[in-house]
Amino acid sequence: QVQLVESGGGLVQPGGSLRLSCARSGNTGKIISMAWYRQAPGKQRELVATKSASGATNYADSAKGRFTISRDNAKNTVYLQMNSLKPEDTAVYYCNAREYTDTYYWGQGTQVTVSS
């Protein structure tokens, strides 16, 4: 079992920045990739960024050039640095862990609101 806890969300003005954190605990040895998703009211959940165990990263087109996914293995934490935020980035952001058995784990989410 893997536990994920997101933090770092909040209210920010357009053009501002936030860094989200995802603290991992439990049996994390079989995780092969981490990801950040987001879901806005009335919209389906969408993938924002992924990072594999090898360090390779992928980003949604909407996030490229603005968002960066990273990890600190010593702290067992994954981050999402978000710069140049736009109102359309407003959503609940979820941390996701994938094991090689295709088991997925989710955090409870953290709210990001971009508004003037």
C-alpha atoms as a PDB file:
ATOM      1  CA  GLN A   1       0.000   0.000   0.000  1.00  0.00           C
ATOM      2  CA  VAL A   2       1.155   3.512  -0.895  1.00  0.00           C
ATOM      3  CA  GLN A   3      -0.039   6.742   0.683  1.00  0.00           C
ATOM      4  CA  LEU A   4       0.159  10.103  -1.086  1.00  0.00           C
ATOM      5  CA  VAL A   5      -0.478  13.503   0.483  1.00  0.00           C
ATOM      6  CA  GLU A   6      -0.549  16.662  -1.633  1.00  0.00           C
ATOM      7  CA  SER A   7       0.084  20.156  -0.326  1.00  0.00           C
ATOM      8  CA  GLY A   8       1.020  23.623  -1.564  1.00  0.00           C
ATOM      9  CA  GLY A   9      -2.158  24.694  -3.298  1.00  0.00           C
ATOM     10  CA  GLY A  10      -3.806  28.045  -2.778  1.00  0.00           C
ATOM     11  CA  LEU A  11      -4.948  31.276  -4.383  1.00  0.00           C
ATOM     12  CA  VAL A  12      -2.570  33.021  -6.759  1.00  0.00           C
ATOM     13  CA  GLN A  13      -2.878  35.853  -9.277  1.00  0.00           C
ATOM     14  CA  PRO A  14      -2.424  35.253 -13.002  1.00  0.00           C
ATOM     15  CA  GLY A  15       1.275  35.162 -13.826  1.00  0.00           C
ATOM     16  CA  GLY A  16       2.181  33.948 -10.357  1.00  0.00           C
ATOM     17  CA  SER A  17       3.821  30.716  -9.242  1.00  0.00           C
ATOM     18  CA  LEU A  18       3.131  27.816  -6.899  1.00  0.00           C
ATOM     19  CA  ARG A  19       5.008  24.669  -5.967  1.00  0.00           C
ATOM     20  CA  LEU A  20       2.936  21.613  -5.150  1.00  0.00           C
ATOM     21  CA  SER A  21       4.337  18.780  -3.040  1.00  0.00           C
ATOM     22  CA  CYS A  22       3.409  15.099  -2.931  1.00  0.00           C
ATOM     23  CA  ALA A  23       4.714  13.237   0.109  1.00  0.00           C
ATOM     24  CA  ARG A  24       4.966   9.468  -0.380  1.00  0.00           C
ATOM     25  CA  SER A  25       4.903   6.803   2.312  1.00  0.00           C
ATOM     26  CA  GLY A  26       4.214   3.110   2.730  1.00  0.00           C
ATOM     27  CA  ASN A  27       5.550   0.463   0.357  1.00  0.00           C
ATOM     28  CA  THR A  28       6.953   2.700  -2.391  1.00  0.00           C
ATOM     29  CA  GLY A  29       9.583   0.300  -3.773  1.00  0.00           C
ATOM     30  CA  LYS A  30       7.487  -0.904  -6.720  1.00  0.00           C
ATOM     31  CA  ILE A  31       6.558   2.529  -8.082  1.00  0.00           C
ATOM     32  CA  ILE A  32       7.670   2.965 -11.688  1.00  0.00           C
ATOM     33  CA  SER A  33       6.304   6.431 -12.367  1.00  0.00           C
ATOM     34  CA  MET A  34       4.755   9.466 -10.700  1.00  0.00           C
ATOM     35  CA  ALA A  35       2.308  11.891 -12.212  1.00  0.00           C
ATOM     36  CA  TRP A  36       0.281  14.993 -11.562  1.00  0.00           C
ATOM     37  CA  TYR A  37      -3.313  15.232 -12.762  1.00  0.00           C
ATOM     38  CA  ARG A  38      -5.863  17.984 -12.429  1.00  0.00           C
ATOM     39  CA  GLN A  39      -9.626  18.242 -12.596  1.00  0.00           C
ATOM     40  CA  ALA A  40     -11.720  21.382 -12.873  1.00  0.00           C
ATOM     41  CA  PRO A  41     -15.458  21.469 -12.051  1.00  0.00           C
ATOM     42  CA  GLY A  42     -17.489  20.104 -14.945  1.00  0.00           C
ATOM     43  CA  LYS A  43     -14.417  18.818 -16.769  1.00  0.00           C
ATOM     44  CA  GLN A  44     -12.758  15.429 -16.964  1.00  0.00           C
ATOM     45  CA  ARG A  45      -9.497  14.706 -15.209  1.00  0.00           C
ATOM     46  CA  GLU A  46      -6.441  15.443 -17.332  1.00  0.00           C
ATOM     47  CA  LEU A  47      -2.810  14.435 -17.127  1.00  0.00           C
ATOM     48  CA  VAL A  48      -0.435  17.329 -16.467  1.00  0.00           C
ATOM     49  CA  ALA A  49       3.030  15.789 -16.059  1.00  0.00           C
ATOM     50  CA  THR A  50       4.772  12.446 -15.506  1.00  0.00           C
ATOM     51  CA  LYS A  51       8.188  11.375 -14.257  1.00  0.00           C
ATOM     52  CA  SER A  52       9.471   7.816 -14.598  1.00  0.00           C
ATOM     53  CA  ALA A  53      11.857   5.994 -12.282  1.00  0.00           C
ATOM     54  CA  SER A  54      14.602   6.627 -14.845  1.00  0.00           C
ATOM     55  CA  GLY A  55      13.993  10.357 -14.590  1.00  0.00           C
ATOM     56  CA  ALA A  56      12.306  10.856 -17.959  1.00  0.00           C
ATOM     57  CA  THR A  57       9.571  13.487 -17.953  1.00  0.00           C
ATOM     58  CA  ASN A  58       6.537  14.224 -20.097  1.00  0.00           C
ATOM     59  CA  TYR A  59       4.175  17.175 -20.067  1.00  0.00           C
ATOM     60  CA  ALA A  60       0.780  18.036 -21.430  1.00  0.00           C
ATOM     61  CA  ASP A  61       0.929  20.668 -24.152  1.00  0.00           C
ATOM     62  CA  SER A  62      -0.781  23.120 -21.819  1.00  0.00           C
ATOM     63  CA  ALA A  63       1.998  22.679 -19.247  1.00  0.00           C
ATOM     64  CA  LYS A  64       5.102  22.663 -21.449  1.00  0.00           C
ATOM     65  CA  GLY A  65       7.404  25.565 -20.762  1.00  0.00           C
ATOM     66  CA  ARG A  66       5.552  26.553 -17.587  1.00  0.00           C
ATOM     67  CA  PHE A  67       5.445  23.496 -15.296  1.00  0.00           C
ATOM     68  CA  THR A  68       8.268  21.274 -14.041  1.00  0.00           C
ATOM     69  CA  ILE A  69       7.926  17.917 -12.286  1.00  0.00           C
ATOM     70  CA  SER A  70      10.802  16.874 -10.029  1.00  0.00           C
ATOM     71  CA  ARG A  71      11.553  14.609  -7.087  1.00  0.00           C
ATOM     72  CA  ASP A  72      13.663  14.460  -3.952  1.00  0.00           C
ATOM     73  CA  ASN A  73      14.273  10.788  -3.209  1.00  0.00           C
ATOM     74  CA  ALA A  74      15.768  11.514   0.212  1.00  0.00           C
ATOM     75  CA  LYS A  75      12.513  13.187   1.250  1.00  0.00           C
ATOM     76  CA  ASN A  76      10.336  10.755  -0.724  1.00  0.00           C
ATOM     77  CA  THR A  77       8.583  13.746  -2.230  1.00  0.00           C
ATOM     78  CA  VAL A  78       7.542  14.712  -5.762  1.00  0.00           C
ATOM     79  CA  TYR A  79       7.027  18.337  -6.744  1.00  0.00           C
ATOM     80  CA  LEU A  80       5.216  20.282  -9.409  1.00  0.00           C
ATOM     81  CA  GLN A  81       6.616  23.769  -9.951  1.00  0.00           C
ATOM     82  CA  MET A  82       4.023  25.911 -11.715  1.00  0.00           C
ATOM     83  CA  ASN A  83       5.020  29.245 -13.230  1.00  0.00           C
ATOM     84  CA  SER A  84       3.164  31.806 -15.329  1.00  0.00           C
ATOM     85  CA  LEU A  85      -0.144  30.543 -14.001  1.00  0.00           C
ATOM     86  CA  LYS A  86      -3.333  31.218 -15.933  1.00  0.00           C
ATOM     87  CA  PRO A  87      -6.991  31.180 -14.841  1.00  0.00           C
ATOM     88  CA  GLU A  88      -7.487  28.011 -16.877  1.00  0.00           C
ATOM     89  CA  ASP A  89      -5.003  26.266 -14.563  1.00  0.00           C
ATOM     90  CA  THR A  90      -7.603  26.463 -11.784  1.00  0.00           C
ATOM     91  CA  ALA A  91      -8.380  22.909 -10.662  1.00  0.00           C
ATOM     92  CA  VAL A  92      -7.875  20.316  -7.966  1.00  0.00           C
ATOM     93  CA  TYR A  93      -4.430  18.824  -8.508  1.00  0.00           C
ATOM     94  CA  TYR A  94      -3.877  15.147  -7.707  1.00  0.00           C
ATOM     95  CA  CYS A  95      -0.683  13.194  -7.202  1.00  0.00           C
ATOM     96  CA  ASN A  96      -0.590   9.704  -8.738  1.00  0.00           C
ATOM     97  CA  ALA A  97       1.767   6.754  -8.307  1.00  0.00           C
ATOM     98  CA  ARG A  98       1.908   3.777 -10.669  1.00  0.00           C
ATOM     99  CA  GLU A  99       3.373   0.376  -9.836  1.00  0.00           C
ATOM    100  CA  TYR A 100       4.617  -2.091 -12.450  1.00  0.00           C
ATOM    101  CA  THR A 101       1.576  -4.264 -11.703  1.00  0.00           C
ATOM    102  CA  ASP A 102      -0.609  -1.413 -13.048  1.00  0.00           C
ATOM    103  CA  THR A 103      -1.832  -0.567  -9.563  1.00  0.00           C
ATOM    104  CA  TYR A 104      -2.510   3.142  -9.116  1.00  0.00           C
ATOM    105  CA  TYR A 105      -2.591   5.251  -5.960  1.00  0.00           C
ATOM    106  CA  TRP A 106      -4.082   8.709  -5.532  1.00  0.00           C
ATOM    107  CA  GLY A 107      -3.814  11.512  -3.034  1.00  0.00           C
ATOM    108  CA  GLN A 108      -6.768  13.562  -1.824  1.00  0.00           C
ATOM    109  CA  GLY A 109      -5.885  16.547  -3.982  1.00  0.00           C
ATOM    110  CA  THR A 110      -4.973  20.170  -3.388  1.00  0.00           C
ATOM    111  CA  GLN A 111      -6.925  23.145  -4.735  1.00  0.00           C
ATOM    112  CA  VAL A 112      -5.209  25.643  -7.023  1.00  0.00           C
ATOM    113  CA  THR A 113      -7.133  28.811  -7.850  1.00  0.00           C
ATOM    114  CA  VAL A 114      -5.740  31.372 -10.291  1.00  0.00           C
ATOM    115  CA  SER A 115      -7.750  34.576 -10.183  1.00  0.00           C
ATOM    116  CA  SER A 116      -7.328  38.330 -10.065  1.00  0.00           C
END
